[in-house]
Each structure stands twice: as C-alpha cells, then as structure tokens.
Protein backbone atom coordinates (compact mmCIF):
# COMPACT_ATOMS: atom_id res chain seq x y z
CA UNK A 1 120.56 50.28 -14.81
CA UNK A 2 118.10 49.81 -11.99
CA UNK A 3 119.92 51.70 -8.86
CA UNK A 4 117.97 49.64 -6.59
CA UNK A 5 115.36 50.69 -3.83
CA UNK A 6 115.92 54.08 -2.25
CA UNK A 7 116.05 54.09 1.56
CA UNK A 8 115.68 57.36 4.05
CA UNK A 9 115.86 57.94 7.58
CA UNK A 10 113.00 59.84 9.06
CA UNK A 11 113.81 61.71 12.70
CA UNK A 12 110.98 62.87 13.94
CA UNK A 13 110.00 64.23 17.92
CA UNK A 14 108.38 61.84 20.16
CA UNK A 15 105.64 62.56 22.34
CA UNK A 16 104.93 61.90 26.05
CA UNK A 17 106.94 59.54 28.08
CA UNK A 18 109.28 57.06 26.92
CA UNK A 19 111.56 54.46 28.40
CA UNK A 20 115.21 53.37 27.11
CA UNK A 21 115.33 52.25 23.84
CA UNK A 22 118.03 49.35 23.78
CA UNK A 23 117.97 48.74 20.07
CA UNK A 24 119.01 52.57 19.54
CA UNK A 25 121.55 52.71 22.17
CA UNK A 26 122.91 49.17 20.40
CA UNK A 27 123.15 50.85 16.89
CA UNK A 28 125.58 53.97 18.36
CA UNK A 29 127.41 51.19 20.54
CA UNK A 30 130.61 52.65 18.41
CA UNK A 31 129.89 55.96 19.79
CA UNK A 32 129.45 54.71 23.24
CA UNK A 33 133.32 53.78 23.19
CA UNK A 34 134.02 56.72 21.48
CA UNK A 35 132.87 58.81 24.06
CA UNK A 36 134.34 56.57 27.32
CA UNK A 37 137.87 57.36 25.37
CA UNK A 38 137.21 61.09 25.19
CA UNK A 39 136.03 61.04 28.81
CA UNK A 40 139.35 59.22 29.75
CA UNK A 41 141.88 61.19 27.30
CA UNK A 42 140.35 64.33 28.79
CA UNK A 43 140.28 63.42 32.05
CA UNK A 44 144.39 62.90 32.05
CA UNK A 45 145.09 65.39 29.48
CA UNK A 46 148.25 67.87 30.55
CA UNK A 47 148.29 65.84 33.73
CA UNK A 48 151.86 64.64 35.10
CA UNK A 49 150.29 61.57 37.27
CA UNK A 50 147.99 60.63 35.15
CA UNK A 51 145.91 57.43 36.34
CA UNK A 52 147.60 57.33 39.63
CA UNK A 53 145.56 60.06 40.60
CA UNK A 54 143.37 57.34 41.34
CA UNK A 55 145.67 55.87 43.38
CA UNK A 56 146.79 58.73 45.22
CA UNK A 57 143.47 60.22 46.11
CA UNK A 58 142.01 57.03 48.11
CA UNK A 59 145.69 56.64 49.82
CA UNK A 60 145.57 60.23 51.16
CA UNK A 61 141.95 60.24 51.95
CA UNK A 62 142.68 56.96 53.75
CA UNK A 63 145.36 58.89 55.74
CA UNK A 64 143.16 61.56 56.95
CA UNK A 65 140.70 58.64 58.09
CA UNK A 66 143.13 57.03 60.25
CA UNK A 67 144.09 60.20 62.20
CA UNK A 68 140.30 60.51 62.36
CA UNK A 69 139.75 57.51 63.82
CA UNK A 70 142.77 58.12 66.32
CA UNK A 71 140.85 61.11 67.63
CA UNK A 72 137.35 59.99 67.45
CA UNK A 73 138.01 56.32 68.86
CA UNK A 74 135.71 54.50 66.27
CA UNK A 75 135.45 50.90 67.12
CA UNK A 76 136.50 48.52 64.24
CA UNK A 77 137.13 45.74 66.12
CA UNK A 78 140.35 43.47 64.95
CA UNK A 79 139.69 45.04 61.35
CA UNK A 80 143.29 47.24 60.12
CA UNK A 81 141.93 50.50 59.69
CA UNK A 82 143.77 51.21 56.66
CA UNK A 83 141.80 48.53 55.09
CA UNK A 84 138.60 49.36 56.23
CA UNK A 85 138.66 52.54 54.88
CA UNK A 86 139.92 51.40 51.55
CA UNK A 87 137.29 48.87 51.43
CA UNK A 88 134.68 51.47 51.85
CA UNK A 89 135.87 54.05 49.64
CA UNK A 90 136.06 51.66 46.62
CA UNK A 91 132.08 51.65 46.48
CA UNK A 92 131.95 55.48 47.56
CA UNK A 93 134.51 56.71 45.27
CA UNK A 94 132.78 55.00 42.07
CA UNK A 95 129.16 56.53 43.21
CA UNK A 96 130.84 59.71 43.73
CA UNK A 97 132.70 59.86 40.80
CA UNK A 98 129.93 58.78 38.57
CA UNK A 99 127.40 61.05 39.78
CA UNK A 100 129.64 64.08 39.25
CA UNK A 101 129.97 62.93 35.81
CA UNK A 102 126.67 62.01 34.68
CA UNK A 103 125.03 65.30 36.66
CA UNK A 104 126.10 67.67 34.37
CA UNK A 105 125.64 65.57 31.00
CA UNK A 106 123.08 68.22 29.90
CA UNK A 107 124.83 71.30 30.51
CA UNK A 108 128.27 70.80 29.60
CA UNK A 109 127.06 69.11 26.40
CA UNK A 110 124.29 71.44 25.16
CA UNK A 111 126.50 72.59 22.32
CA UNK A 112 127.28 69.34 20.75
CA UNK A 113 123.66 67.96 21.43
CA UNK A 114 122.42 70.97 19.34
CA UNK A 115 124.58 70.14 16.52
CA UNK A 116 124.15 66.41 15.88
CA UNK A 117 121.57 63.90 16.80
CA UNK A 118 122.50 60.73 18.65
CA UNK A 119 120.99 59.08 21.63
CA UNK A 120 121.66 61.27 24.71
CA UNK A 121 121.86 58.66 27.14
CA UNK A 122 125.30 57.74 25.51
CA UNK A 123 127.19 60.51 27.07
CA UNK A 124 126.03 59.64 30.83
CA UNK A 125 126.88 55.67 30.17
CA UNK A 126 130.17 56.45 28.80
CA UNK A 127 130.94 58.00 32.07
CA UNK A 128 129.77 55.18 33.98
CA UNK A 129 131.75 52.80 32.04
CA UNK A 130 134.92 55.25 31.84
CA UNK A 131 134.89 55.18 35.95
CA UNK A 132 135.31 51.78 35.97
CA UNK A 133 138.71 52.42 35.27
CA UNK A 134 139.43 54.36 38.47
CA UNK A 135 137.59 51.54 40.18
CA UNK A 136 139.65 48.51 38.75
CA UNK A 137 143.09 50.93 39.99
CA UNK A 138 141.73 51.58 42.83
CA UNK A 139 140.61 48.00 43.86
CA UNK A 140 144.38 46.93 42.63
CA UNK A 141 145.64 49.24 45.08
CA UNK A 142 143.47 47.48 47.98
CA UNK A 143 144.86 44.57 46.62
CA UNK A 144 148.44 45.53 47.58
CA UNK A 145 147.70 46.51 51.02
CA UNK A 146 145.56 43.39 51.71
CA UNK A 147 148.75 41.40 50.44
CA UNK A 148 150.85 43.32 52.85
CA UNK A 149 148.88 42.98 55.93
CA UNK A 150 148.47 39.38 55.36
CA UNK A 151 151.95 38.96 56.01
CA UNK A 152 151.28 40.43 59.39
CA UNK A 153 150.37 38.94 62.89
CA UNK A 154 146.52 40.10 62.10
CA UNK A 155 146.32 38.37 59.30
CA UNK A 156 143.95 35.86 60.47
CA UNK A 157 141.22 38.81 61.26
CA UNK A 158 140.56 39.28 58.02
CA UNK A 159 139.93 37.77 54.78
CA UNK A 160 138.01 37.06 51.42
CA UNK A 161 134.09 36.54 52.11
CA UNK A 162 131.66 34.10 50.47
CA UNK A 163 130.32 37.77 49.02
CA UNK A 164 133.28 38.09 46.70
CA UNK A 165 131.32 36.19 44.12
CA UNK A 166 128.26 38.85 44.58
CA UNK A 167 131.08 41.31 43.92
CA UNK A 168 130.16 42.13 40.23
CA UNK A 169 126.61 42.26 41.16
CA UNK A 170 127.64 45.37 43.97
CA UNK A 171 129.45 47.34 41.17
CA UNK A 172 126.25 46.78 38.89
CA UNK A 173 124.27 48.09 41.48
CA UNK A 174 126.38 51.29 42.38
CA UNK A 175 126.67 51.67 38.74
CA UNK A 176 122.63 51.60 38.33
CA UNK A 177 122.62 54.08 41.25
CA UNK A 178 125.05 56.70 40.25
CA UNK A 179 123.60 56.84 37.00
CA UNK A 180 119.83 57.32 38.09
CA UNK A 181 120.71 59.97 40.65
CA UNK A 182 123.23 61.59 38.19
CA UNK A 183 120.24 61.63 35.51
CA UNK A 184 117.43 62.98 37.87
CA UNK A 185 119.94 66.04 38.74
CA UNK A 186 121.23 66.57 35.13
CA UNK A 187 117.29 66.95 34.08
CA UNK A 188 116.80 69.12 37.06
CA UNK A 189 119.80 71.15 36.18
CA UNK A 190 118.48 71.68 32.79
CA UNK A 191 115.57 73.44 33.94
CA UNK A 192 117.02 74.79 37.04
CA UNK A 193 120.44 75.61 37.28
CA UNK A 194 120.47 75.94 41.19
CA UNK A 195 120.95 71.95 41.05
CA UNK A 196 124.10 72.51 40.23
CA UNK A 197 124.80 73.97 43.08
CA UNK A 198 122.87 71.59 45.28
CA UNK A 199 124.56 68.15 44.03
CA UNK A 200 127.77 69.84 45.17
CA UNK A 201 127.00 69.75 49.09
CA UNK A 202 124.46 66.99 48.64
CA UNK A 203 127.22 64.42 47.67
CA UNK A 204 129.40 65.86 50.98
CA UNK A 205 126.68 65.52 53.15
CA UNK A 206 125.64 62.08 51.68
CA UNK A 207 129.15 61.08 52.36
CA UNK A 208 128.40 61.37 56.23
CA UNK A 209 125.20 59.73 55.64
CA UNK A 210 126.84 56.43 54.41
CA UNK A 211 128.86 54.02 56.56
CA UNK A 212 132.24 54.94 54.92
CA UNK A 213 134.36 55.74 57.82
CA UNK A 214 132.28 54.14 60.74
CA UNK A 215 130.83 50.70 60.45
CA UNK A 216 126.93 50.32 60.10
CA UNK A 217 126.89 48.18 63.83
CA UNK A 218 128.47 51.45 65.36
CA UNK A 219 125.15 53.61 64.30
CA UNK A 220 123.29 53.76 67.54
CA UNK A 221 120.08 51.49 67.41
CA UNK A 222 117.78 54.31 66.84
CA UNK A 223 119.20 55.81 63.83
CA UNK A 224 120.52 52.79 62.21
CA UNK A 225 116.96 52.25 60.44
CA UNK A 226 117.20 55.70 58.69
CA UNK A 227 121.07 54.63 57.54
CA UNK A 228 119.50 51.55 56.30
CA UNK A 229 117.07 53.74 53.98
CA UNK A 230 120.17 55.04 52.14
CA UNK A 231 120.49 52.97 48.96
CA UNK A 232 124.59 53.17 49.28
CA UNK A 233 124.74 51.67 53.01
CA UNK A 234 123.96 48.15 51.73
CA UNK A 235 126.84 48.36 48.55
CA UNK A 236 129.55 49.93 51.09
CA UNK A 237 128.93 47.30 53.62
CA UNK A 238 128.82 44.53 50.94
CA UNK A 239 132.02 45.65 49.64
CA UNK A 240 133.41 45.07 52.86
CA UNK A 241 131.87 41.63 53.34
CA UNK A 242 133.41 40.48 49.99
CA UNK A 243 136.75 42.00 50.50
CA UNK A 244 137.30 41.42 54.06
CA UNK A 245 135.46 39.11 55.52
CA UNK A 246 132.78 41.11 57.49
CA UNK A 247 129.17 39.92 58.04
CA UNK A 248 127.06 40.52 54.81
CA UNK A 249 124.05 43.03 55.31
CA UNK A 250 120.82 41.43 55.89
CA UNK A 251 118.39 40.11 53.48
CA UNK A 252 115.67 43.18 54.38
CA UNK A 253 118.48 45.86 53.95
CA UNK A 254 119.73 44.13 50.58
CA UNK A 255 115.91 44.43 49.33
CA UNK A 256 115.36 47.44 49.88
CA UNK A 257 118.96 48.87 48.80
CA UNK A 258 118.11 47.04 45.34
CA UNK A 259 114.33 48.27 45.39
CA UNK A 260 115.23 52.10 45.69
CA UNK A 261 118.10 51.43 43.29
CA UNK A 262 115.73 50.23 40.63
CA UNK A 263 113.15 52.90 41.17
CA UNK A 264 116.00 55.67 41.03
CA UNK A 265 117.65 54.53 37.90
CA UNK A 266 114.12 53.53 36.20
CA UNK A 267 112.34 57.08 36.70
CA UNK A 268 116.10 58.62 36.38
CA UNK A 269 116.21 57.55 32.53
CA UNK A 270 111.91 58.29 32.12
CA UNK A 271 112.69 62.05 33.42
CA UNK A 272 116.05 62.25 31.54
CA UNK A 273 114.61 61.26 28.58
CA UNK A 274 111.54 63.67 28.81
CA UNK A 275 114.09 66.57 29.43
CA UNK A 276 116.44 66.17 26.88
CA UNK A 277 113.85 66.31 23.86
CA UNK A 278 113.78 70.18 24.30
CA UNK A 279 116.57 71.26 26.45
CA UNK A 280 118.40 72.82 24.17
CA UNK A 281 116.04 75.51 23.91
CA UNK A 282 115.89 76.36 27.44
CA UNK A 283 119.66 75.77 28.20
C-alpha cells in the first residue's frame, strides 16, 4: 500500500536583515493566544484583587495628581481634574505596561527560546494584546467617573468629541509605538544588560516629558515644539479630545507622531529579528 508522498519541514538559519513574516505569525496564531492567556494568568496568580488592580492603580495615581494639582496650581480650565488625569492615564498606562512587558522579552524567555522554535515575535505581540484587557478595565473605570460627573452642574464643560471615532486608531498607534520601543530595548538588553536598568528610569523620565499631568497648552511656547517631538504627546492629547471634547492635536503634530511611530516599530522589528537569531548563544 502506497503511504503517499512524504513531507518534511526544514528549519534553516536566515542571513542578513529580514522583516516581518506575516504568514509564519499567522501559522502560529494558536500559540499567540496561548501566550496571551499565560500572560493574564501569571499576572493575577496569587493576588487577592486580581484584575481590580487595574482599577486601583489609576485611581490612587489620580488622587496623588489631584493633590499635586492643588500645590502646583496647574490651569486645567473648566475641565474636572479627575477626568483630565484619568483620560491622560489611559493612553500612558497602556504604553508603559506594554513597553515594560516587551522590553524583557528575550532575557525573560531565554530558556524557552533555547528549547523550541517558534516566531520570537509572538511573545511581545502577546504582551501587546494582553495589556488591552487592562486598558478596557481602565476605560470602564473612566466611563463610571464620566457618568458621575455628567450628573453635576459642571456637565456642560466636557463631553465626547468628534475624535471619539478615532479612538481605535489612537489605541493602535500606542500599541505599535510601545511594541517598537520595547523591541529596541529587548534587542539591546540581550547584548548589554545595562539597558534593563536604563529602561526602568527611562520610562519615569518619559512620563514627565509627556503631557499627562499637564495640558500641552500649558507648556511654554519655547518648549512646546520639543514636547511635540515626543510620539506619545499626540495619543495622550488625542485620548482627551476623544473622551472629553478638548481640542484635537493639529495635523502637523499628528503627522509627526504617526511618522515617528512607524519608523520606531519598523526599525524595532528589524533589529529584534536580527538579534533573536543568535542571542541564546550570548545571553
């Protein structure tokens, strides 16, 4: 009896630079969802509050900023300070959490990568997707405060803006940018462990360079252009414009932010895939 044609798969090393292999990633989509589930399960393991930490963290942070606002007297106009800070934290927290998860991809998974082959990009992509749950929970928390403030006398000072239709695109940009920066740090950390330390305080400095606790309009004119070079400036301002009806960033700022995001994510993927081929030998 003829057993039929035999097939075999040959895994060979690649040479030079190569970009994203979408077909290979799609073939491993089941593994991607397993990695997403692993991220969620390990994050909540042996915790009492579980996903509620995604509610507690922004609320406590917002309370601290409210106290800071009383001391610094930052002019927020007629906007309720709590909504202003919660709205800005939505974009920033998703960026920070995804960046921190993806930046340690190679180091934290060296043992797994050394045993079995699969597209290494699956791991950072799983972090991007799993952190969407935190964003969804925090968005629901924001919605609760939004509805509570809408019942007060200050309800007319804010409302959903036309930019609300762009919210999915803003989330996509933050996901892409955080992935790109995280891949850069992951690749550099595989060669130089110093970058694991650099990443920790880099995200803290980056926070203050992003208009999360202050509006972009309050930045002095001579520094505003420098702050606009920060690719996270437009998404943070865009989230507030979508959810609270503030002014949406200008076309120039949007084009600059999107352009930098595309450059960072494209170069991040290239560098990551260049390093991941032989990083197990030097990790």
